[in-house]
Amino acid sequence: YAPGWSPPPVTPAGPRRRNRGRLLARAGAVVGAIALVAVVAVGARTWADSRPLGDPAGEVSAHPRQLVVGHCLQTLPGDGVVRRVTIVPCAEPHEAEVLSTYTHADGAWPGTAAVRREAEGACEMDTTQRTAGVQAVVWTPGEASWRQGDRTSLCL
């Protein structure tokens, strides 16, 4: 060895690296667990919001995808995206009733205007309803709902 030469100082880097690795592994596990819980929660909510409901015994909050022919809506929401509605037994006062449904063909999103036109063409009312002054309201799936497999329009 040359004069004045000394080996490099020994640092406690080894144990720190191991601790850092353990810390990163734990953080990754926590993030993974949170992501898993989020995916399960979203999946459960989507499933719950898409299963049909039977006849309500009282007021029931429902997602529009749960509505079937014969459900009566306590109030009719304004135009725009409808997230939840309250259905009631049809013997109680209500503003709207699901008269029919229309299932669109599978395929790529055809656009809002095309989906609406198709649903309006399928929404038929009988003479008694027209004479009574009933006005048809059509609810159609939006683009995001279409991507989730929703192909059902409602005639209220």
N, C-alpha and C. Protein backbone atom coordinates (compact mmCIF):
# COMPACT_ATOMS: atom_id res chain seq x y z
N TYR A 1 0.83 -1.19 0.00
CA TYR A 1 0.00 0.00 0.00
C TYR A 1 0.86 1.23 0.00
N ALA A 2 0.23 2.27 -0.64
CA ALA A 2 0.98 3.53 -0.72
C ALA A 2 0.91 4.22 0.64
N PRO A 3 1.95 5.02 0.92
CA PRO A 3 1.92 5.72 2.20
C PRO A 3 0.72 6.68 2.28
N GLY A 4 0.08 6.73 3.39
CA GLY A 4 -1.06 7.62 3.63
C GLY A 4 -2.40 7.05 3.17
N TRP A 5 -2.33 5.90 2.56
CA TRP A 5 -3.59 5.29 2.10
C TRP A 5 -4.28 4.62 3.26
N SER A 6 -5.66 4.76 3.27
CA SER A 6 -6.41 4.06 4.30
C SER A 6 -7.69 3.53 3.66
N PRO A 7 -8.20 2.47 4.18
CA PRO A 7 -9.42 1.91 3.59
C PRO A 7 -10.59 2.88 3.79
N PRO A 8 -11.60 2.81 2.94
CA PRO A 8 -12.75 3.71 3.09
C PRO A 8 -13.45 3.46 4.42
N PRO A 9 -14.06 4.51 4.96
CA PRO A 9 -14.73 4.33 6.26
C PRO A 9 -15.93 3.38 6.13
N VAL A 10 -16.14 2.64 7.16
CA VAL A 10 -17.26 1.72 7.20
C VAL A 10 -18.50 2.51 7.64
N THR A 11 -19.55 2.43 6.82
CA THR A 11 -20.78 3.15 7.17
C THR A 11 -21.88 2.13 7.45
N PRO A 12 -22.82 2.52 8.24
CA PRO A 12 -23.92 1.60 8.55
C PRO A 12 -24.99 1.61 7.45
N ALA A 13 -24.58 1.70 6.17
CA ALA A 13 -25.53 1.76 5.07
C ALA A 13 -26.28 0.44 4.90
N GLY A 14 -25.65 -0.65 5.19
CA GLY A 14 -26.30 -1.95 5.01
C GLY A 14 -27.61 -2.07 5.77
N PRO A 15 -27.60 -1.86 7.07
CA PRO A 15 -28.85 -1.99 7.81
C PRO A 15 -29.91 -0.97 7.36
N ARG A 16 -29.49 0.25 7.00
CA ARG A 16 -30.45 1.26 6.55
C ARG A 16 -31.14 0.80 5.27
N ARG A 17 -30.37 0.23 4.38
CA ARG A 17 -30.96 -0.24 3.13
C ARG A 17 -31.99 -1.34 3.40
N ARG A 18 -31.66 -2.21 4.32
CA ARG A 18 -32.61 -3.26 4.66
C ARG A 18 -33.87 -2.66 5.27
N ASN A 19 -33.72 -1.70 6.17
CA ASN A 19 -34.88 -1.05 6.77
C ASN A 19 -35.68 -0.29 5.72
N ARG A 20 -34.98 0.38 4.78
CA ARG A 20 -35.66 1.11 3.73
C ARG A 20 -36.44 0.13 2.85
N GLY A 21 -35.86 -1.01 2.58
CA GLY A 21 -36.55 -2.02 1.78
C GLY A 21 -37.80 -2.53 2.48
N ARG A 22 -37.69 -2.76 3.77
CA ARG A 22 -38.85 -3.21 4.54
C ARG A 22 -39.94 -2.13 4.56
N LEU A 23 -39.51 -0.88 4.72
CA LEU A 23 -40.46 0.23 4.75
C LEU A 23 -41.17 0.34 3.40
N LEU A 24 -40.43 0.23 2.31
CA LEU A 24 -41.04 0.30 0.97
C LEU A 24 -41.99 -0.88 0.75
N ALA A 25 -41.61 -2.04 1.21
CA ALA A 25 -42.48 -3.22 1.07
C ALA A 25 -43.78 -3.03 1.86
N ARG A 26 -43.66 -2.51 3.06
CA ARG A 26 -44.87 -2.26 3.86
C ARG A 26 -45.75 -1.20 3.21
N ALA A 27 -45.13 -0.13 2.72
CA ALA A 27 -45.90 0.93 2.06
C ALA A 27 -46.60 0.38 0.82
N GLY A 28 -45.91 -0.44 0.07
CA GLY A 28 -46.52 -1.06 -1.11
C GLY A 28 -47.69 -1.95 -0.74
N ALA A 29 -47.55 -2.69 0.34
CA ALA A 29 -48.64 -3.56 0.79
C ALA A 29 -49.85 -2.74 1.22
N VAL A 30 -49.62 -1.63 1.90
CA VAL A 30 -50.73 -0.77 2.34
C VAL A 30 -51.43 -0.17 1.13
N VAL A 31 -50.65 0.34 0.18
CA VAL A 31 -51.25 0.92 -1.03
C VAL A 31 -52.03 -0.14 -1.80
N GLY A 32 -51.48 -1.33 -1.90
CA GLY A 32 -52.18 -2.42 -2.58
C GLY A 32 -53.48 -2.79 -1.89
N ALA A 33 -53.47 -2.82 -0.56
CA ALA A 33 -54.67 -3.15 0.20
C ALA A 33 -55.74 -2.08 0.01
N ILE A 34 -55.33 -0.81 0.02
CA ILE A 34 -56.28 0.29 -0.20
C ILE A 34 -56.87 0.20 -1.59
N ALA A 35 -56.05 -0.08 -2.59
CA ALA A 35 -56.54 -0.21 -3.97
C ALA A 35 -57.52 -1.38 -4.08
N LEU A 36 -57.22 -2.48 -3.44
CA LEU A 36 -58.11 -3.64 -3.48
C LEU A 36 -59.47 -3.32 -2.84
N VAL A 37 -59.43 -2.65 -1.70
CA VAL A 37 -60.68 -2.27 -1.03
C VAL A 37 -61.49 -1.33 -1.92
N ALA A 38 -60.83 -0.38 -2.59
CA ALA A 38 -61.53 0.56 -3.48
C ALA A 38 -62.17 -0.18 -4.65
N VAL A 39 -61.46 -1.11 -5.25
CA VAL A 39 -61.99 -1.86 -6.38
C VAL A 39 -63.19 -2.69 -5.94
N VAL A 40 -63.09 -3.35 -4.80
CA VAL A 40 -64.20 -4.16 -4.30
C VAL A 40 -65.40 -3.27 -3.99
N ALA A 41 -65.18 -2.11 -3.38
CA ALA A 41 -66.28 -1.20 -3.04
C ALA A 41 -66.98 -0.70 -4.29
N VAL A 42 -66.22 -0.30 -5.30
CA VAL A 42 -66.82 0.18 -6.55
C VAL A 42 -67.58 -0.95 -7.23
N GLY A 43 -67.01 -2.13 -7.26
CA GLY A 43 -67.69 -3.28 -7.86
C GLY A 43 -68.98 -3.62 -7.14
N ALA A 44 -68.96 -3.59 -5.82
CA ALA A 44 -70.16 -3.89 -5.04
C ALA A 44 -71.23 -2.83 -5.27
N ARG A 45 -70.83 -1.58 -5.34
CA ARG A 45 -71.79 -0.50 -5.58
C ARG A 45 -72.40 -0.63 -6.98
N THR A 46 -71.58 -0.92 -7.98
CA THR A 46 -72.07 -1.09 -9.34
C THR A 46 -73.05 -2.25 -9.41
N TRP A 47 -72.72 -3.36 -8.74
CA TRP A 47 -73.62 -4.51 -8.72
C TRP A 47 -74.93 -4.14 -8.04
N ALA A 48 -74.85 -3.47 -6.89
CA ALA A 48 -76.06 -3.10 -6.15
C ALA A 48 -76.94 -2.14 -6.94
N ASP A 49 -76.31 -1.23 -7.69
CA ASP A 49 -77.06 -0.25 -8.46
C ASP A 49 -77.61 -0.81 -9.76
N SER A 50 -77.30 -2.03 -10.11
CA SER A 50 -77.79 -2.57 -11.37
C SER A 50 -78.75 -3.75 -11.18
N ARG A 51 -78.95 -4.21 -9.97
CA ARG A 51 -79.88 -5.32 -9.75
C ARG A 51 -81.30 -4.77 -9.69
N PRO A 52 -82.25 -5.39 -10.40
CA PRO A 52 -83.63 -4.91 -10.40
C PRO A 52 -84.27 -5.01 -9.02
N LEU A 53 -85.17 -4.09 -8.75
CA LEU A 53 -85.91 -4.10 -7.50
C LEU A 53 -87.31 -4.65 -7.74
N GLY A 54 -87.87 -5.25 -6.74
CA GLY A 54 -89.26 -5.71 -6.82
C GLY A 54 -90.20 -4.55 -6.53
N ASP A 55 -91.44 -4.87 -6.23
CA ASP A 55 -92.40 -3.83 -5.87
C ASP A 55 -92.05 -3.28 -4.49
N PRO A 56 -91.96 -1.97 -4.38
CA PRO A 56 -91.59 -1.39 -3.08
C PRO A 56 -92.76 -1.42 -2.10
N ALA A 57 -92.45 -1.65 -0.84
CA ALA A 57 -93.47 -1.61 0.21
C ALA A 57 -93.63 -0.19 0.74
N GLY A 58 -92.66 0.65 0.45
CA GLY A 58 -92.65 2.05 0.88
C GLY A 58 -91.67 2.80 0.01
N GLU A 59 -91.22 3.94 0.48
CA GLU A 59 -90.23 4.71 -0.27
C GLU A 59 -88.91 3.94 -0.34
N VAL A 60 -88.34 3.86 -1.54
CA VAL A 60 -87.07 3.18 -1.74
C VAL A 60 -86.20 4.04 -2.65
N SER A 61 -84.98 4.30 -2.23
CA SER A 61 -84.03 5.01 -3.08
C SER A 61 -83.43 4.00 -4.06
N ALA A 62 -83.42 4.38 -5.34
CA ALA A 62 -82.95 3.44 -6.36
C ALA A 62 -82.11 4.16 -7.41
N HIS A 63 -81.22 3.41 -8.01
CA HIS A 63 -80.47 3.89 -9.16
C HIS A 63 -81.35 3.65 -10.39
N PRO A 64 -81.31 4.52 -11.39
CA PRO A 64 -82.15 4.32 -12.58
C PRO A 64 -81.99 2.96 -13.25
N ARG A 65 -80.81 2.34 -13.14
CA ARG A 65 -80.61 1.02 -13.75
C ARG A 65 -81.42 -0.07 -13.05
N GLN A 66 -81.94 0.22 -11.87
CA GLN A 66 -82.72 -0.76 -11.12
C GLN A 66 -84.20 -0.71 -11.47
N LEU A 67 -84.64 0.29 -12.19
CA LEU A 67 -86.05 0.46 -12.47
C LEU A 67 -86.55 -0.51 -13.53
N VAL A 68 -87.77 -0.98 -13.34
CA VAL A 68 -88.43 -1.88 -14.30
C VAL A 68 -89.84 -1.36 -14.55
N VAL A 69 -90.48 -1.91 -15.56
CA VAL A 69 -91.83 -1.51 -15.90
C VAL A 69 -92.73 -1.66 -14.67
N GLY A 70 -93.52 -0.62 -14.38
CA GLY A 70 -94.42 -0.63 -13.25
C GLY A 70 -93.92 0.12 -12.04
N HIS A 71 -92.63 0.47 -11.99
CA HIS A 71 -92.13 1.26 -10.86
C HIS A 71 -92.65 2.69 -10.98
N CYS A 72 -93.04 3.26 -9.85
CA CYS A 72 -93.55 4.63 -9.81
C CYS A 72 -92.55 5.53 -9.08
N LEU A 73 -92.24 6.67 -9.68
CA LEU A 73 -91.29 7.62 -9.12
C LEU A 73 -92.02 8.70 -8.37
N GLN A 74 -91.61 8.91 -7.13
CA GLN A 74 -92.25 9.92 -6.30
C GLN A 74 -92.18 11.29 -6.97
N THR A 75 -91.00 11.67 -7.42
CA THR A 75 -90.82 12.92 -8.16
C THR A 75 -89.98 12.63 -9.39
N LEU A 76 -90.20 13.41 -10.42
CA LEU A 76 -89.44 13.26 -11.66
C LEU A 76 -88.29 14.26 -11.64
N PRO A 77 -87.06 13.79 -11.63
CA PRO A 77 -85.93 14.71 -11.60
C PRO A 77 -85.88 15.56 -12.87
N GLY A 78 -85.19 16.67 -12.80
CA GLY A 78 -85.02 17.54 -13.95
C GLY A 78 -84.10 16.89 -14.98
N ASP A 79 -83.90 17.60 -16.08
CA ASP A 79 -83.02 17.10 -17.13
C ASP A 79 -81.60 16.95 -16.63
N GLY A 80 -80.86 16.06 -17.26
CA GLY A 80 -79.47 15.83 -16.90
C GLY A 80 -79.25 14.43 -16.40
N VAL A 81 -78.09 14.21 -15.83
CA VAL A 81 -77.73 12.90 -15.31
C VAL A 81 -78.55 12.62 -14.05
N VAL A 82 -79.17 11.45 -14.00
CA VAL A 82 -79.98 11.05 -12.86
C VAL A 82 -79.20 9.98 -12.10
N ARG A 83 -78.88 10.26 -10.86
CA ARG A 83 -78.08 9.32 -10.07
C ARG A 83 -78.95 8.45 -9.15
N ARG A 84 -79.96 9.03 -8.54
CA ARG A 84 -80.85 8.30 -7.64
C ARG A 84 -82.26 8.86 -7.80
N VAL A 85 -83.24 8.01 -7.59
CA VAL A 85 -84.65 8.41 -7.57
C VAL A 85 -85.32 7.70 -6.40
N THR A 86 -86.48 8.21 -6.01
CA THR A 86 -87.26 7.55 -4.96
C THR A 86 -88.46 6.90 -5.62
N ILE A 87 -88.55 5.57 -5.45
CA ILE A 87 -89.72 4.88 -5.97
C ILE A 87 -90.67 4.61 -4.81
N VAL A 88 -91.95 4.63 -5.15
CA VAL A 88 -93.00 4.42 -4.15
C VAL A 88 -94.01 3.44 -4.71
N PRO A 89 -94.85 2.84 -3.85
CA PRO A 89 -95.93 2.02 -4.38
C PRO A 89 -96.82 2.90 -5.27
N CYS A 90 -97.29 2.36 -6.37
CA CYS A 90 -98.07 3.15 -7.32
C CYS A 90 -99.41 3.62 -6.77
N ALA A 91 -99.86 3.04 -5.66
CA ALA A 91 -101.10 3.49 -5.03
C ALA A 91 -100.90 4.83 -4.33
N GLU A 92 -99.65 5.20 -4.05
CA GLU A 92 -99.33 6.49 -3.43
C GLU A 92 -99.18 7.55 -4.52
N PRO A 93 -99.30 8.83 -4.15
CA PRO A 93 -99.10 9.89 -5.13
C PRO A 93 -97.69 9.80 -5.74
N HIS A 94 -97.61 9.97 -7.06
CA HIS A 94 -96.33 9.90 -7.75
C HIS A 94 -96.39 10.74 -9.02
N GLU A 95 -95.23 11.14 -9.53
CA GLU A 95 -95.16 11.98 -10.72
C GLU A 95 -94.91 11.20 -12.00
N ALA A 96 -94.36 10.01 -11.91
CA ALA A 96 -94.03 9.26 -13.13
C ALA A 96 -94.08 7.76 -12.86
N GLU A 97 -94.25 7.01 -13.94
CA GLU A 97 -94.26 5.56 -13.87
C GLU A 97 -93.49 5.02 -15.07
N VAL A 98 -92.73 3.96 -14.85
CA VAL A 98 -92.00 3.33 -15.95
C VAL A 98 -93.02 2.56 -16.78
N LEU A 99 -93.24 3.02 -18.03
CA LEU A 99 -94.22 2.39 -18.92
C LEU A 99 -93.62 1.26 -19.73
N SER A 100 -92.38 1.45 -20.17
CA SER A 100 -91.73 0.41 -20.98
C SER A 100 -90.23 0.61 -20.95
N THR A 101 -89.53 -0.41 -21.41
CA THR A 101 -88.07 -0.33 -21.55
C THR A 101 -87.72 -0.68 -22.99
N TYR A 102 -86.58 -0.21 -23.43
CA TYR A 102 -86.09 -0.53 -24.76
C TYR A 102 -84.62 -0.90 -24.63
N THR A 103 -84.24 -2.03 -25.21
CA THR A 103 -82.86 -2.48 -25.16
C THR A 103 -82.19 -2.18 -26.49
N HIS A 104 -81.15 -1.38 -26.46
CA HIS A 104 -80.38 -1.02 -27.64
C HIS A 104 -79.46 -2.18 -28.03
N ALA A 105 -79.11 -2.25 -29.30
CA ALA A 105 -78.19 -3.29 -29.78
C ALA A 105 -76.79 -3.03 -29.23
N ASP A 106 -76.05 -4.11 -29.02
CA ASP A 106 -74.66 -3.98 -28.59
C ASP A 106 -73.85 -3.32 -29.69
N GLY A 107 -72.75 -2.76 -29.30
CA GLY A 107 -71.86 -2.13 -30.26
C GLY A 107 -71.21 -0.90 -29.66
N ALA A 108 -70.48 -0.20 -30.51
CA ALA A 108 -69.80 1.02 -30.07
C ALA A 108 -70.83 2.10 -29.76
N TRP A 109 -70.45 3.04 -28.93
CA TRP A 109 -71.32 4.15 -28.54
C TRP A 109 -71.75 4.92 -29.79
N PRO A 110 -73.06 4.96 -30.08
CA PRO A 110 -73.53 5.63 -31.30
C PRO A 110 -73.72 7.13 -31.16
N GLY A 111 -73.61 7.64 -29.95
CA GLY A 111 -73.79 9.07 -29.70
C GLY A 111 -75.12 9.34 -29.02
N THR A 112 -75.17 10.42 -28.27
CA THR A 112 -76.35 10.76 -27.49
C THR A 112 -77.58 10.93 -28.36
N ALA A 113 -77.45 11.65 -29.47
CA ALA A 113 -78.61 11.92 -30.33
C ALA A 113 -79.18 10.62 -30.90
N ALA A 114 -78.33 9.73 -31.36
CA ALA A 114 -78.79 8.47 -31.95
C ALA A 114 -79.49 7.60 -30.91
N VAL A 115 -78.93 7.51 -29.72
CA VAL A 115 -79.53 6.70 -28.65
C VAL A 115 -80.89 7.28 -28.27
N ARG A 116 -80.94 8.60 -28.15
CA ARG A 116 -82.20 9.25 -27.78
C ARG A 116 -83.27 9.05 -28.86
N ARG A 117 -82.90 9.25 -30.12
CA ARG A 117 -83.83 9.07 -31.24
C ARG A 117 -84.42 7.65 -31.25
N GLU A 118 -83.55 6.68 -31.08
CA GLU A 118 -83.98 5.28 -31.08
C GLU A 118 -84.94 4.99 -29.92
N ALA A 119 -84.62 5.51 -28.72
CA ALA A 119 -85.46 5.28 -27.54
C ALA A 119 -86.80 5.99 -27.68
N GLU A 120 -86.80 7.21 -28.19
CA GLU A 120 -88.05 7.95 -28.37
C GLU A 120 -88.96 7.25 -29.37
N GLY A 121 -88.38 6.66 -30.41
CA GLY A 121 -89.16 5.93 -31.39
C GLY A 121 -89.81 4.69 -30.81
N ALA A 122 -89.21 4.13 -29.78
CA ALA A 122 -89.74 2.90 -29.17
C ALA A 122 -90.70 3.19 -28.02
N CYS A 123 -90.76 4.44 -27.57
CA CYS A 123 -91.60 4.81 -26.43
C CYS A 123 -93.01 5.09 -26.93
N GLU A 124 -93.90 4.12 -26.74
CA GLU A 124 -95.27 4.25 -27.23
C GLU A 124 -96.25 4.36 -26.07
N MET A 125 -97.25 5.22 -26.27
CA MET A 125 -98.31 5.35 -25.28
C MET A 125 -99.63 5.00 -25.95
N ASP A 126 -100.55 4.47 -25.16
CA ASP A 126 -101.85 4.14 -25.75
C ASP A 126 -102.75 5.38 -25.77
N THR A 127 -103.89 5.24 -26.42
CA THR A 127 -104.82 6.36 -26.59
C THR A 127 -105.31 6.90 -25.25
N THR A 128 -105.57 6.03 -24.31
CA THR A 128 -106.04 6.44 -22.98
C THR A 128 -105.01 7.36 -22.32
N GLN A 129 -103.75 7.00 -22.42
CA GLN A 129 -102.70 7.82 -21.81
C GLN A 129 -102.60 9.18 -22.51
N ARG A 130 -102.65 9.19 -23.83
CA ARG A 130 -102.58 10.46 -24.56
C ARG A 130 -103.78 11.35 -24.24
N THR A 131 -104.96 10.75 -24.20
CA THR A 131 -106.18 11.50 -23.89
C THR A 131 -106.11 12.10 -22.48
N ALA A 132 -105.49 11.38 -21.56
CA ALA A 132 -105.35 11.86 -20.18
C ALA A 132 -104.29 12.95 -20.06
N GLY A 133 -103.59 13.25 -21.16
CA GLY A 133 -102.56 14.30 -21.12
C GLY A 133 -101.21 13.83 -20.62
N VAL A 134 -101.02 12.54 -20.60
CA VAL A 134 -99.73 11.99 -20.15
C VAL A 134 -98.66 12.35 -21.18
N GLN A 135 -97.51 12.81 -20.70
CA GLN A 135 -96.39 13.13 -21.57
C GLN A 135 -95.27 12.13 -21.32
N ALA A 136 -94.72 11.63 -22.39
CA ALA A 136 -93.63 10.66 -22.27
C ALA A 136 -92.31 11.37 -21.98
N VAL A 137 -91.54 10.76 -21.11
CA VAL A 137 -90.19 11.19 -20.80
C VAL A 137 -89.30 9.99 -21.06
N VAL A 138 -88.20 10.21 -21.76
CA VAL A 138 -87.30 9.11 -22.09
C VAL A 138 -85.98 9.30 -21.36
N TRP A 139 -85.53 8.23 -20.70
CA TRP A 139 -84.21 8.21 -20.08
C TRP A 139 -83.35 7.24 -20.85
N THR A 140 -82.18 7.68 -21.24
CA THR A 140 -81.28 6.84 -22.03
C THR A 140 -79.95 6.69 -21.30
N PRO A 141 -79.22 5.62 -21.61
CA PRO A 141 -77.89 5.49 -21.02
C PRO A 141 -76.95 6.54 -21.61
N GLY A 142 -76.05 7.04 -20.79
CA GLY A 142 -75.02 7.95 -21.26
C GLY A 142 -73.81 7.16 -21.75
N GLU A 143 -72.83 7.87 -22.23
CA GLU A 143 -71.65 7.20 -22.78
C GLU A 143 -70.92 6.36 -21.74
N ALA A 144 -70.76 6.91 -20.53
CA ALA A 144 -70.06 6.17 -19.47
C ALA A 144 -70.85 4.91 -19.09
N SER A 145 -72.17 5.04 -18.98
CA SER A 145 -73.01 3.89 -18.65
C SER A 145 -72.97 2.86 -19.77
N TRP A 146 -72.93 3.33 -21.01
CA TRP A 146 -72.86 2.44 -22.18
C TRP A 146 -71.58 1.59 -22.12
N ARG A 147 -70.47 2.23 -21.72
CA ARG A 147 -69.19 1.49 -21.61
C ARG A 147 -69.27 0.41 -20.54
N GLN A 148 -70.16 0.57 -19.56
CA GLN A 148 -70.34 -0.42 -18.50
C GLN A 148 -71.34 -1.50 -18.90
N GLY A 149 -71.84 -1.42 -20.12
CA GLY A 149 -72.76 -2.46 -20.61
C GLY A 149 -74.22 -2.10 -20.52
N ASP A 150 -74.56 -0.88 -20.10
CA ASP A 150 -75.96 -0.47 -19.99
C ASP A 150 -76.51 -0.17 -21.39
N ARG A 151 -77.53 -0.91 -21.81
CA ARG A 151 -78.14 -0.72 -23.13
C ARG A 151 -79.65 -0.48 -23.00
N THR A 152 -80.12 -0.16 -21.79
CA THR A 152 -81.56 -0.04 -21.56
C THR A 152 -81.99 1.42 -21.43
N SER A 153 -82.98 1.80 -22.22
CA SER A 153 -83.63 3.10 -22.10
C SER A 153 -84.99 2.88 -21.44
N LEU A 154 -85.44 3.88 -20.72
CA LEU A 154 -86.73 3.81 -20.03
C LEU A 154 -87.69 4.83 -20.62
N CYS A 155 -88.95 4.42 -20.75
CA CYS A 155 -90.02 5.31 -21.16
C CYS A 155 -90.88 5.54 -19.92
N LEU A 156 -90.94 6.78 -19.45
CA LEU A 156 -91.70 7.12 -18.26
C LEU A 156 -92.88 7.98 -18.66
